[in-house]
Amino acid sequence: MGIIMGMTWKEMLRKRVMVLTLLMTLIFLLAFWFVASSLGKHGIPEGRWGMGNSELLIAKFTNGTIILTLGFFFGSFVLAFLAIFSSFSAIAGEAEQGVLQALLPRPLPRWKWYLGRWLGFIMLGLGYALLLYVAIMLITKFHAAIPMDPTAWILSFLLFASAVPMLVTVSMLGSGWFSALGNGVFMTMLYGAGWLGGMIEKLSISIGLEPEIMNSLKNMTGVISLLMPVDGMQRKMLSELFNLKELGGVVSLQTAAFGINSFANVPSGTFVMYGAGYTIVAFLLGLWIFGRKDL
């Protein structure tokens, strides 16, 4: 499996996927730095005259929530597309090129090849997620106030990075069914549907629709969240990072980030367990399909 993992990393470098991703990440972080610099001054008078220490801290923390929400909103897109476009052709693409036909006749069990590819994509994605997470947190800390609880940092990172194994697993599952191009389209639309469902839920809460319409929208967005739980995991991540149970009455977070994120309907721990089960089932199903696939 170690050889297959190494092949996966070399392939990512050969196709310049990581080089392009890191270049675009650098551009994103530079833009994020200037956005954080501007938002970090919001509500804080120059010279800070007329503000007590507690008022200043609350103002800086409120700005920090806005900056972090914006950063992780766009950062989650970057992470998701890296996970999807690195793995969408893992099976179909190599079968079309004849790579699998050359490798698998050798004494290499299919499950070892599948697991090696999966671990290669996962480890690379998790390393990138850690880099992106730390960069967003440090930039925000420089311009505003952020939570400094190590437990909150660890829990929120795990939830943020959970998009990598979830998307890679579903992408490899789809690669066993569809062609490389078809799976890329399928995964992009599936992730887009999950994001759209989450956005509809956030906007419906912010607008304050009638109960009948709200119930219909909740049913629809609930089904979408079950099909693609990534957006719900990202909302749970922000909830854990900001520790809403303790800070909800101190800092106004419901209007944070101009409605991009609403904390009125945060997924429960049960939803996190569902997301873990969703990933495990998709992995086992993908492994089973690949084991019986006619190459």
Protein backbone atom coordinates (compact mmCIF):
# COMPACT_ATOMS: atom_id res chain seq x y z
CA MET A 1 0.00 0.00 0.00
CA GLY A 2 2.91 2.31 0.68
CA ILE A 3 3.97 2.07 -2.97
CA ILE A 4 0.44 2.91 -4.13
CA MET A 5 0.33 5.91 -1.76
CA GLY A 6 3.66 7.12 -3.15
CA MET A 7 2.37 6.72 -6.69
CA THR A 8 -0.66 8.82 -5.76
CA TRP A 9 1.48 11.66 -4.43
CA LYS A 10 3.79 11.56 -7.45
CA GLU A 11 0.77 11.64 -9.75
CA MET A 12 -0.53 14.75 -7.98
CA LEU A 13 2.83 16.45 -8.44
CA ARG A 14 3.19 15.29 -12.06
CA LYS A 15 -0.23 16.64 -12.97
CA ARG A 16 0.62 19.85 -11.07
CA VAL A 17 -2.56 19.59 -9.04
CA MET A 18 -0.83 20.52 -5.78
CA VAL A 19 1.29 23.23 -7.42
CA LEU A 20 -1.81 24.89 -8.87
CA THR A 21 -3.72 24.45 -5.59
CA LEU A 22 -0.94 26.03 -3.54
CA LEU A 23 -0.63 28.90 -6.00
CA MET A 24 -4.36 29.61 -5.86
CA THR A 25 -4.27 29.26 -2.06
CA LEU A 26 -1.54 31.89 -1.86
CA ILE A 27 -3.70 34.28 -3.92
CA PHE A 28 -6.71 33.51 -1.71
CA LEU A 29 -4.74 34.15 1.50
CA LEU A 30 -3.39 37.45 0.17
CA ALA A 31 -6.92 38.60 -0.66
CA PHE A 32 -8.14 37.30 2.71
CA TRP A 33 -5.41 39.31 4.48
CA PHE A 34 -6.69 42.58 3.02
CA VAL A 35 -10.32 41.66 3.73
CA ALA A 36 -9.44 40.79 7.34
CA SER A 37 -7.51 44.05 7.68
CA SER A 38 -10.55 46.07 6.60
CA LEU A 39 -13.13 44.12 8.64
CA GLY A 40 -10.89 44.09 11.71
CA LYS A 41 -11.29 47.88 12.02
CA HIS A 42 -15.10 47.78 11.88
CA GLY A 43 -16.75 49.31 14.95
CA ILE A 44 -13.43 50.26 16.54
CA PRO A 45 -12.74 54.03 16.51
CA GLU A 46 -9.28 55.17 15.57
CA GLY A 47 -7.23 55.59 18.69
CA ARG A 48 -9.87 53.49 20.56
CA TRP A 49 -10.98 56.49 22.61
CA GLY A 50 -14.29 56.16 24.39
CA MET A 51 -14.22 52.35 24.56
CA GLY A 52 -13.61 50.29 27.68
CA ASN A 53 -11.51 47.14 27.64
CA SER A 54 -14.58 44.90 27.69
CA GLU A 55 -16.29 46.83 24.86
CA LEU A 56 -13.10 46.71 22.81
CA LEU A 57 -12.73 42.97 23.35
CA ILE A 58 -16.35 42.30 22.35
CA ALA A 59 -15.98 44.47 19.23
CA LYS A 60 -12.77 42.70 18.21
CA PHE A 61 -14.26 39.26 18.89
CA THR A 62 -17.36 40.12 16.84
CA ASN A 63 -15.12 41.20 13.98
CA GLY A 64 -13.18 37.98 14.42
CA THR A 65 -16.32 35.88 13.99
CA ILE A 66 -17.16 37.70 10.77
CA ILE A 67 -13.64 37.29 9.39
CA LEU A 68 -13.41 33.61 10.34
CA THR A 69 -16.84 32.86 8.89
CA LEU A 70 -15.87 34.46 5.59
CA GLY A 71 -12.48 32.73 5.57
CA PHE A 72 -13.85 29.26 6.20
CA PHE A 73 -16.78 29.85 3.85
CA PHE A 74 -14.42 30.28 0.91
CA GLY A 75 -11.74 27.99 2.36
CA SER A 76 -14.19 25.10 2.44
CA PHE A 77 -14.70 25.54 -1.33
CA VAL A 78 -10.96 25.30 -1.97
CA LEU A 79 -10.65 22.21 0.22
CA ALA A 80 -13.68 20.54 -1.34
CA PHE A 81 -12.53 21.05 -4.91
CA LEU A 82 -9.05 19.73 -4.09
CA ALA A 83 -10.62 16.58 -2.62
CA ILE A 84 -12.97 16.13 -5.59
CA PHE A 85 -10.66 16.89 -8.50
CA SER A 86 -7.75 14.91 -7.08
CA SER A 87 -9.77 11.69 -6.84
CA PHE A 88 -12.66 11.84 -9.35
CA SER A 89 -10.73 9.78 -11.94
CA ALA A 90 -9.00 7.44 -9.48
CA ILE A 91 -10.56 4.28 -10.97
CA ALA A 92 -12.29 5.20 -14.23
CA GLY A 93 -9.45 7.39 -15.47
CA GLU A 94 -6.75 4.78 -14.86
CA ALA A 95 -8.93 2.02 -16.33
CA GLU A 96 -9.40 4.11 -19.49
CA GLN A 97 -5.62 4.65 -19.74
CA GLY A 98 -4.84 0.98 -19.17
CA VAL A 99 -2.93 1.54 -15.91
CA LEU A 100 -5.12 -0.79 -13.86
CA GLN A 101 -4.87 -3.56 -16.43
CA ALA A 102 -1.07 -3.44 -16.05
CA LEU A 103 -1.03 -3.31 -12.24
CA LEU A 104 -3.80 -5.57 -11.00
CA PRO A 105 -2.82 -8.82 -12.81
CA ARG A 106 0.25 -8.82 -10.54
CA PRO A 107 -0.03 -10.32 -7.02
CA LEU A 108 -1.67 -7.18 -5.65
CA PRO A 109 -5.11 -7.56 -4.07
CA ARG A 110 -7.63 -5.04 -5.30
CA TRP A 111 -8.49 -3.92 -1.79
CA LYS A 112 -4.84 -2.97 -1.15
CA TRP A 113 -4.73 -0.87 -4.31
CA TYR A 114 -8.02 0.81 -3.41
CA LEU A 115 -6.96 1.47 0.19
CA GLY A 116 -3.56 2.77 -0.90
CA ARG A 117 -5.11 5.24 -3.32
CA TRP A 118 -7.68 6.30 -0.72
CA LEU A 119 -5.04 6.88 1.97
CA GLY A 120 -2.85 8.77 -0.49
CA PHE A 121 -5.62 11.23 -1.36
CA ILE A 122 -6.74 11.51 2.28
CA MET A 123 -3.31 12.21 3.76
CA LEU A 124 -2.51 14.80 1.12
CA GLY A 125 -5.88 16.48 1.62
CA LEU A 126 -5.58 16.48 5.42
CA GLY A 127 -2.13 18.06 5.23
CA TYR A 128 -3.51 20.79 3.01
CA ALA A 129 -6.52 21.26 5.30
CA LEU A 130 -4.20 21.79 8.28
CA LEU A 131 -2.15 24.35 6.35
CA LEU A 132 -5.26 26.25 5.25
CA TYR A 133 -6.89 26.10 8.70
CA VAL A 134 -3.82 27.45 10.52
CA ALA A 135 -3.31 30.20 7.93
CA ILE A 136 -6.92 31.44 8.23
CA MET A 137 -6.75 31.38 12.05
CA LEU A 138 -3.43 33.23 12.24
CA ILE A 139 -4.47 35.92 9.77
CA THR A 140 -7.68 36.51 11.70
CA LYS A 141 -5.83 36.59 15.03
CA PHE A 142 -3.52 39.28 13.68
CA HIS A 143 -6.42 41.58 12.76
CA ALA A 144 -9.05 40.70 15.40
CA ALA A 145 -9.76 38.50 18.41
CA ILE A 146 -10.46 34.78 18.06
CA PRO A 147 -11.16 31.90 20.49
CA MET A 148 -7.93 30.57 22.00
CA ASP A 149 -9.25 27.34 23.52
CA PRO A 150 -7.01 24.49 22.25
CA THR A 151 -9.88 22.01 22.54
CA ALA A 152 -12.09 24.19 20.34
CA TRP A 153 -9.27 24.48 17.80
CA ILE A 154 -8.81 20.71 17.63
CA LEU A 155 -12.52 19.89 17.42
CA SER A 156 -13.17 22.56 14.80
CA PHE A 157 -10.19 21.41 12.70
CA LEU A 158 -11.39 17.81 12.77
CA LEU A 159 -14.82 18.93 11.58
CA PHE A 160 -13.30 21.21 8.93
CA ALA A 161 -11.02 18.43 7.65
CA SER A 162 -13.84 15.88 7.68
CA ALA A 163 -14.78 17.14 4.21
CA VAL A 164 -11.64 15.48 2.82
CA PRO A 165 -12.37 11.81 3.66
CA MET A 166 -16.07 12.31 2.98
CA LEU A 167 -15.64 13.79 -0.50
CA VAL A 168 -12.72 11.56 -1.50
CA THR A 169 -14.66 8.46 -0.44
CA VAL A 170 -17.79 9.41 -2.39
CA SER A 171 -15.67 10.48 -5.36
CA MET A 172 -13.87 7.12 -5.49
CA LEU A 173 -17.22 5.36 -5.13
CA GLY A 174 -18.55 7.31 -8.12
CA SER A 175 -15.37 6.58 -10.07
CA GLY A 176 -16.21 2.89 -9.88
CA TRP A 177 -19.60 3.55 -11.48
CA PHE A 178 -19.16 6.44 -13.91
CA SER A 179 -16.58 7.54 -16.43
CA ALA A 180 -13.95 10.01 -15.26
CA LEU A 181 -15.73 12.99 -16.84
CA GLY A 182 -19.16 11.81 -15.68
CA ASN A 183 -17.95 11.36 -12.11
CA GLY A 184 -16.39 14.82 -12.08
CA VAL A 185 -19.70 16.34 -13.17
CA PHE A 186 -21.63 14.17 -10.68
CA MET A 187 -19.42 15.13 -7.71
CA THR A 188 -19.48 18.83 -8.58
CA MET A 189 -23.28 18.79 -8.81
CA LEU A 190 -23.65 16.74 -5.61
CA TYR A 191 -21.41 19.09 -3.65
CA GLY A 192 -23.15 22.10 -5.21
CA ALA A 193 -26.54 20.70 -4.21
CA GLY A 194 -25.35 20.28 -0.62
CA TRP A 195 -24.02 23.84 -0.56
CA LEU A 196 -27.22 25.20 -2.11
CA GLY A 197 -29.36 23.36 0.44
CA GLY A 198 -27.36 24.84 3.29
CA MET A 199 -27.55 28.32 1.79
CA ILE A 200 -31.34 28.06 1.37
CA GLU A 201 -31.65 27.05 5.01
CA LYS A 202 -29.49 29.97 6.19
CA LEU A 203 -31.36 32.52 4.09
CA SER A 204 -34.80 31.18 5.07
CA ILE A 205 -33.91 31.59 8.74
CA SER A 206 -32.57 35.10 8.17
CA ILE A 207 -35.61 36.22 6.14
CA GLY A 208 -38.19 34.80 8.53
CA LEU A 209 -40.66 33.04 6.23
CA GLU A 210 -44.12 31.73 7.11
CA PRO A 211 -44.22 28.45 9.11
CA GLU A 212 -45.68 26.40 6.24
CA ILE A 213 -42.98 27.52 3.82
CA MET A 214 -40.30 27.04 6.47
CA ASN A 215 -41.39 23.45 7.09
CA SER A 216 -41.29 22.67 3.36
CA LEU A 217 -37.83 24.18 3.02
CA LYS A 218 -36.58 22.35 6.11
CA ASN A 219 -37.77 19.03 4.71
CA MET A 220 -36.06 19.71 1.39
CA THR A 221 -32.78 20.93 2.91
CA GLY A 222 -32.84 18.04 5.37
CA VAL A 223 -32.92 15.50 2.53
CA ILE A 224 -30.12 17.35 0.73
CA SER A 225 -28.01 17.38 3.92
CA LEU A 226 -28.42 13.62 4.22
CA LEU A 227 -27.26 13.15 0.63
CA MET A 228 -24.23 15.44 1.09
CA PRO A 229 -23.46 16.31 4.76
CA VAL A 230 -20.38 18.47 4.11
CA ASP A 231 -22.14 21.84 4.54
CA GLY A 232 -23.70 20.74 7.83
CA MET A 233 -20.28 19.65 9.11
CA GLN A 234 -18.87 23.08 8.27
CA ARG A 235 -21.64 24.79 10.26
CA LYS A 236 -20.95 22.47 13.18
CA MET A 237 -17.27 23.37 12.89
CA LEU A 238 -17.95 27.09 13.30
CA SER A 239 -20.27 26.38 16.22
CA GLU A 240 -17.55 24.43 18.03
CA LEU A 241 -14.92 27.04 17.23
CA PHE A 242 -16.98 29.95 18.57
CA ASN A 243 -18.31 27.90 21.50
CA LEU A 244 -21.84 29.23 20.98
CA LYS A 245 -23.24 27.74 24.16
CA GLU A 246 -21.08 30.08 26.26
CA LEU A 247 -20.67 33.10 23.98
CA GLY A 248 -24.07 33.30 22.30
CA GLY A 249 -25.37 35.72 24.93
CA VAL A 250 -22.24 37.88 24.94
CA VAL A 251 -21.55 38.40 21.23
CA SER A 252 -24.21 38.75 18.54
CA LEU A 253 -23.41 35.98 16.08
CA GLN A 254 -26.72 35.59 14.29
CA THR A 255 -25.90 38.39 11.88
CA ALA A 256 -22.27 37.43 11.52
CA ALA A 257 -20.77 37.53 8.06
CA PHE A 258 -23.78 39.29 6.53
CA GLY A 259 -25.99 36.18 6.52
CA ILE A 260 -23.44 33.85 4.94
CA ASN A 261 -23.68 31.72 8.04
CA SER A 262 -26.60 31.37 10.42
CA PHE A 263 -26.10 29.80 13.83
CA ALA A 264 -29.80 29.42 14.49
CA ASN A 265 -29.84 25.79 13.30
CA VAL A 266 -26.55 24.11 14.15
CA PRO A 267 -26.33 20.35 13.44
CA SER A 268 -26.25 18.10 16.51
CA GLY A 269 -23.69 15.52 17.54
CA THR A 270 -25.96 12.88 16.03
CA PHE A 271 -25.48 14.50 12.63
CA VAL A 272 -21.70 14.27 13.07
CA MET A 273 -22.08 10.55 13.81
CA TYR A 274 -24.24 10.24 10.69
CA GLY A 275 -21.49 11.91 8.65
CA ALA A 276 -18.94 9.41 9.96
CA GLY A 277 -21.27 6.50 9.20
CA TYR A 278 -21.99 7.97 5.75
CA THR A 279 -18.26 7.97 4.97
CA ILE A 280 -17.71 4.43 6.25
CA VAL A 281 -20.65 3.02 4.26
CA ALA A 282 -19.51 4.83 1.10
CA PHE A 283 -15.98 3.46 1.56
CA LEU A 284 -17.15 -0.13 2.02
CA LEU A 285 -19.55 0.15 -0.92
CA GLY A 286 -16.82 1.60 -3.15
CA LEU A 287 -14.44 -1.19 -2.11
CA TRP A 288 -17.09 -3.81 -2.87
CA ILE A 289 -17.89 -2.32 -6.29
CA PHE A 290 -14.24 -2.05 -7.25
CA GLY A 291 -13.63 -5.67 -6.21
CA ARG A 292 -16.28 -6.80 -8.70
CA LYS A 293 -15.62 -4.27 -11.44
CA ASP A 294 -14.83 -5.68 -14.88
CA LEU A 295 -11.68 -3.92 -16.04
